[in-house]
Structures are given as C-alpha cells and as structure tokens.
N, C-alpha and C. Protein backbone atom coordinates (compact mmCIF):
# COMPACT_ATOMS: atom_id res chain seq x y z
N MET A 1 0.84 -1.18 0.00
CA MET A 1 0.00 0.00 0.00
C MET A 1 0.89 1.24 0.00
N ASN A 2 0.43 2.32 -0.56
CA ASN A 2 1.25 3.51 -0.70
C ASN A 2 1.11 4.47 0.49
N GLY A 3 0.52 4.06 1.57
CA GLY A 3 0.41 4.89 2.75
C GLY A 3 -0.82 5.78 2.79
N ARG A 4 -1.67 5.70 1.79
CA ARG A 4 -2.88 6.52 1.75
C ARG A 4 -4.03 5.72 2.36
N THR A 5 -4.74 6.35 3.26
CA THR A 5 -5.89 5.70 3.86
C THR A 5 -7.14 6.00 3.03
N SER A 6 -8.22 5.32 3.35
CA SER A 6 -9.46 5.58 2.62
C SER A 6 -9.93 7.01 2.87
N LEU A 7 -9.63 7.55 4.04
CA LEU A 7 -9.99 8.94 4.32
C LEU A 7 -9.21 9.89 3.42
N ASP A 8 -7.91 9.61 3.20
CA ASP A 8 -7.11 10.44 2.30
C ASP A 8 -7.68 10.41 0.89
N VAL A 9 -8.09 9.23 0.45
CA VAL A 9 -8.66 9.09 -0.90
C VAL A 9 -9.97 9.86 -0.98
N GLU A 10 -10.81 9.76 0.05
CA GLU A 10 -12.09 10.47 0.05
C GLU A 10 -11.88 11.98 0.06
N ILE A 11 -10.92 12.46 0.83
CA ILE A 11 -10.63 13.90 0.87
C ILE A 11 -10.19 14.37 -0.51
N GLN A 12 -9.34 13.62 -1.18
CA GLN A 12 -8.89 14.01 -2.51
C GLN A 12 -10.05 14.02 -3.51
N MET A 13 -10.95 13.03 -3.41
CA MET A 13 -12.10 13.00 -4.30
C MET A 13 -12.99 14.22 -4.08
N LEU A 14 -13.20 14.61 -2.81
CA LEU A 14 -14.02 15.78 -2.52
C LEU A 14 -13.36 17.06 -3.03
N LYS A 15 -12.05 17.15 -2.92
CA LYS A 15 -11.34 18.32 -3.46
C LYS A 15 -11.50 18.39 -4.97
N ASP A 16 -11.40 17.25 -5.64
CA ASP A 16 -11.57 17.21 -7.10
C ASP A 16 -12.98 17.63 -7.49
N MET A 17 -13.99 17.15 -6.75
CA MET A 17 -15.38 17.52 -7.04
C MET A 17 -15.58 19.01 -6.85
N ALA A 18 -15.04 19.56 -5.77
CA ALA A 18 -15.19 20.99 -5.50
C ALA A 18 -14.55 21.81 -6.61
N PHE A 19 -13.41 21.36 -7.10
CA PHE A 19 -12.74 22.07 -8.20
C PHE A 19 -13.60 22.04 -9.46
N ARG A 20 -14.14 20.86 -9.80
CA ARG A 20 -14.97 20.75 -11.01
C ARG A 20 -16.21 21.62 -10.90
N TYR A 21 -16.93 21.56 -9.76
CA TYR A 21 -18.14 22.35 -9.60
C TYR A 21 -17.82 23.84 -9.54
N GLY A 22 -16.68 24.19 -8.96
CA GLY A 22 -16.26 25.59 -8.95
C GLY A 22 -16.04 26.10 -10.36
N ARG A 23 -15.45 25.26 -11.21
CA ARG A 23 -15.25 25.65 -12.61
C ARG A 23 -16.57 25.80 -13.33
N MET A 24 -17.55 24.92 -13.03
CA MET A 24 -18.87 25.03 -13.65
C MET A 24 -19.51 26.36 -13.27
N ILE A 25 -19.41 26.75 -12.00
CA ILE A 25 -19.99 28.00 -11.54
C ILE A 25 -19.27 29.18 -12.18
N ASP A 26 -17.95 29.11 -12.29
CA ASP A 26 -17.19 30.19 -12.93
C ASP A 26 -17.62 30.36 -14.39
N ARG A 27 -17.82 29.26 -15.11
CA ARG A 27 -18.26 29.35 -16.51
C ARG A 27 -19.65 29.97 -16.60
N ALA A 28 -20.53 29.61 -15.66
CA ALA A 28 -21.88 30.17 -15.67
C ALA A 28 -21.84 31.68 -15.39
N ARG A 29 -21.00 32.10 -14.45
CA ARG A 29 -20.88 33.53 -14.16
C ARG A 29 -20.33 34.29 -15.36
N LYS A 30 -19.33 33.71 -16.01
CA LYS A 30 -18.74 34.36 -17.18
C LYS A 30 -19.78 34.48 -18.30
N ALA A 31 -20.55 33.43 -18.51
CA ALA A 31 -21.59 33.46 -19.55
C ALA A 31 -22.63 34.53 -19.23
N ARG A 32 -22.99 34.66 -17.95
CA ARG A 32 -23.96 35.67 -17.56
C ARG A 32 -23.40 37.07 -17.82
N GLU A 33 -22.12 37.28 -17.49
CA GLU A 33 -21.51 38.59 -17.70
C GLU A 33 -21.44 38.93 -19.18
N GLU A 34 -21.30 37.91 -20.03
CA GLU A 34 -21.24 38.13 -21.47
C GLU A 34 -22.63 38.18 -22.10
N GLY A 35 -23.66 38.06 -21.29
CA GLY A 35 -25.02 38.14 -21.81
C GLY A 35 -25.61 36.79 -22.17
N GLY A 36 -24.91 35.70 -21.92
CA GLY A 36 -25.42 34.39 -22.29
C GLY A 36 -25.94 33.58 -21.12
N GLY A 37 -25.99 34.20 -19.93
CA GLY A 37 -26.46 33.48 -18.75
C GLY A 37 -27.96 33.26 -18.80
N LYS A 38 -28.42 32.25 -18.14
CA LYS A 38 -29.85 31.93 -18.15
C LYS A 38 -30.46 32.28 -16.81
N MET A 39 -31.65 32.81 -16.89
CA MET A 39 -32.41 33.09 -15.68
C MET A 39 -33.30 31.90 -15.37
N HIS A 40 -33.54 31.70 -14.08
CA HIS A 40 -34.41 30.62 -13.61
C HIS A 40 -35.55 31.25 -12.83
N ARG A 41 -36.65 30.54 -12.75
CA ARG A 41 -37.77 30.95 -11.90
C ARG A 41 -38.21 29.74 -11.09
N CYS A 42 -38.31 29.95 -9.78
CA CYS A 42 -38.76 28.88 -8.89
C CYS A 42 -40.26 28.69 -9.07
N GLU A 43 -40.69 27.46 -9.21
CA GLU A 43 -42.10 27.16 -9.40
C GLU A 43 -42.89 27.22 -8.09
N ILE A 44 -42.20 27.26 -6.95
CA ILE A 44 -42.87 27.29 -5.66
C ILE A 44 -43.01 28.72 -5.14
N CYS A 45 -41.88 29.45 -5.02
CA CYS A 45 -41.94 30.80 -4.44
C CYS A 45 -41.98 31.90 -5.50
N GLY A 46 -41.73 31.58 -6.77
CA GLY A 46 -41.80 32.55 -7.85
C GLY A 46 -40.58 33.43 -7.99
N GLU A 47 -39.56 33.22 -7.20
CA GLU A 47 -38.34 34.04 -7.25
C GLU A 47 -37.59 33.82 -8.56
N ARG A 48 -37.07 34.92 -9.13
CA ARG A 48 -36.21 34.83 -10.32
C ARG A 48 -34.77 34.90 -9.84
N PHE A 49 -33.90 34.07 -10.38
CA PHE A 49 -32.50 34.07 -9.98
C PHE A 49 -31.65 33.59 -11.14
N ASP A 50 -30.38 34.03 -11.13
CA ASP A 50 -29.48 33.62 -12.19
C ASP A 50 -28.39 32.66 -11.70
N GLU A 51 -28.23 32.55 -10.39
CA GLU A 51 -27.27 31.61 -9.82
C GLU A 51 -28.00 30.66 -8.88
N PRO A 52 -28.34 29.47 -9.35
CA PRO A 52 -29.02 28.52 -8.46
C PRO A 52 -28.06 27.98 -7.41
N LEU A 53 -28.62 27.48 -6.34
CA LEU A 53 -27.85 26.81 -5.31
C LEU A 53 -27.58 25.39 -5.82
N ILE A 54 -26.32 25.00 -5.87
CA ILE A 54 -25.95 23.67 -6.36
C ILE A 54 -25.50 22.83 -5.18
N VAL A 55 -26.18 21.72 -4.95
CA VAL A 55 -25.88 20.83 -3.85
C VAL A 55 -25.44 19.49 -4.42
N SER A 56 -24.34 18.97 -3.90
CA SER A 56 -23.90 17.64 -4.34
C SER A 56 -23.64 16.77 -3.12
N TRP A 57 -23.82 15.48 -3.30
CA TRP A 57 -23.57 14.53 -2.22
C TRP A 57 -23.17 13.20 -2.81
N ARG A 58 -22.52 12.41 -1.96
CA ARG A 58 -22.11 11.06 -2.35
C ARG A 58 -22.85 10.07 -1.49
N GLU A 59 -23.24 8.96 -2.11
CA GLU A 59 -24.00 7.94 -1.41
C GLU A 59 -23.35 6.59 -1.64
N ASP A 60 -23.09 5.86 -0.56
CA ASP A 60 -22.52 4.52 -0.65
C ASP A 60 -23.65 3.57 -1.02
N LEU A 61 -23.57 2.97 -2.19
CA LEU A 61 -24.67 2.15 -2.70
C LEU A 61 -24.78 0.81 -2.01
N ASP A 62 -23.66 0.17 -1.73
CA ASP A 62 -23.74 -1.20 -1.22
C ASP A 62 -22.78 -1.51 -0.07
N GLY A 63 -22.08 -0.51 0.44
CA GLY A 63 -21.14 -0.75 1.52
C GLY A 63 -19.83 -1.38 1.08
N GLU A 64 -19.63 -1.55 -0.20
CA GLU A 64 -18.42 -2.18 -0.72
C GLU A 64 -17.59 -1.21 -1.57
N GLY A 65 -17.80 0.07 -1.36
CA GLY A 65 -17.00 1.05 -2.08
C GLY A 65 -17.57 1.51 -3.40
N HIS A 66 -18.81 1.18 -3.70
CA HIS A 66 -19.45 1.65 -4.92
C HIS A 66 -20.25 2.90 -4.57
N TRP A 67 -19.75 4.03 -5.01
CA TRP A 67 -20.34 5.32 -4.64
C TRP A 67 -21.07 5.93 -5.82
N GLU A 68 -22.13 6.67 -5.51
CA GLU A 68 -22.85 7.43 -6.51
C GLU A 68 -22.81 8.89 -6.09
N THR A 69 -22.44 9.77 -7.01
CA THR A 69 -22.42 11.20 -6.74
C THR A 69 -23.64 11.82 -7.40
N SER A 70 -24.37 12.61 -6.64
CA SER A 70 -25.57 13.26 -7.16
C SER A 70 -25.41 14.77 -7.08
N LEU A 71 -26.08 15.45 -7.97
CA LEU A 71 -26.04 16.89 -8.05
C LEU A 71 -27.47 17.40 -8.19
N GLN A 72 -27.83 18.43 -7.44
CA GLN A 72 -29.18 18.97 -7.51
C GLN A 72 -29.11 20.49 -7.58
N VAL A 73 -29.93 21.08 -8.43
CA VAL A 73 -30.02 22.52 -8.59
C VAL A 73 -31.24 23.01 -7.82
N LEU A 74 -31.01 23.93 -6.85
CA LEU A 74 -32.08 24.38 -5.97
C LEU A 74 -32.28 25.89 -6.08
N CYS A 75 -33.47 26.34 -5.69
CA CYS A 75 -33.76 27.77 -5.57
C CYS A 75 -32.95 28.30 -4.38
N PRO A 76 -32.22 29.41 -4.54
CA PRO A 76 -31.43 29.93 -3.42
C PRO A 76 -32.28 30.54 -2.30
N VAL A 77 -33.56 30.79 -2.56
CA VAL A 77 -34.43 31.40 -1.54
C VAL A 77 -35.13 30.34 -0.70
N CYS A 78 -35.88 29.44 -1.36
CA CYS A 78 -36.67 28.46 -0.60
C CYS A 78 -36.06 27.06 -0.61
N LYS A 79 -34.96 26.88 -1.32
CA LYS A 79 -34.23 25.59 -1.38
C LYS A 79 -35.04 24.48 -2.03
N CYS A 80 -35.99 24.85 -2.88
CA CYS A 80 -36.84 23.90 -3.57
C CYS A 80 -36.21 23.49 -4.90
N PRO A 81 -36.27 22.22 -5.28
CA PRO A 81 -35.65 21.79 -6.53
C PRO A 81 -36.49 22.05 -7.77
N TYR A 82 -37.69 22.61 -7.60
CA TYR A 82 -38.57 22.80 -8.75
C TYR A 82 -38.37 24.19 -9.34
N ASN A 83 -37.50 24.28 -10.33
CA ASN A 83 -37.30 25.55 -11.02
C ASN A 83 -37.09 25.27 -12.50
N GLN A 84 -37.32 26.29 -13.29
CA GLN A 84 -37.17 26.12 -14.74
C GLN A 84 -36.45 27.33 -15.31
N GLU A 85 -35.76 27.10 -16.43
CA GLU A 85 -35.08 28.19 -17.10
C GLU A 85 -36.10 29.04 -17.82
N GLU A 86 -35.89 30.36 -17.76
CA GLU A 86 -36.78 31.28 -18.45
C GLU A 86 -36.22 31.62 -19.82
N GLU A 87 -37.11 31.87 -20.74
CA GLU A 87 -36.72 32.31 -22.06
C GLU A 87 -36.30 33.77 -22.01
N GLU A 88 -35.27 34.12 -22.77
CA GLU A 88 -34.83 35.51 -22.86
C GLU A 88 -35.84 36.31 -23.65
N PRO A 89 -36.25 37.49 -23.17
CA PRO A 89 -37.17 38.31 -23.98
C PRO A 89 -36.45 38.83 -25.22
N ALA A 90 -37.17 38.86 -26.35
CA ALA A 90 -36.55 39.28 -27.60
C ALA A 90 -36.44 40.77 -27.71
C-alpha cells in the first residue's frame, strides 16, 4: 500500500469535485456577464435568480466502495428543486 488511507482518498475525491463544480460556476458567471447566462424561476416561491444553489452529495450504494455522486439545482431562496429556465425576452 502507498500509505494513503481511505480517508485520504475520500478527501482528494471531494477536493476534485469541488474544483470541477467551482469551474462550472465560474463558466456560468462568465456566460452571464457576457449576456449568455440563463435566468431561472422557482415554481414554488416565484423568485427569479441567475445563480441557483448547487448541492452535491455522495451515497454509498452497497457498503463495498461503490459510490454514486448526485447533483441537484435548488432555488437559493426556498431551497426547492422545482425551477425552470426562463426564455430571454426578444
């Protein structure tokens, strides 16, 4: 073994995920600044927003090291997952 524990491996995986999601958010911000960003509207509270809350988590599927990573886009106000992209007015 190379001296890395399962905790070390998990920490590195979480750092990699944070880097990837951070890059996704940076690209979305840049697109918005250039006029290509998309607006969302929450179907529950009606709030309009351009930066959704992005939540990710990992779930151990069978206790044998098979993990599933999930990502969910939420309303930043009410934390509800029911939102849709709005069309840009012409």
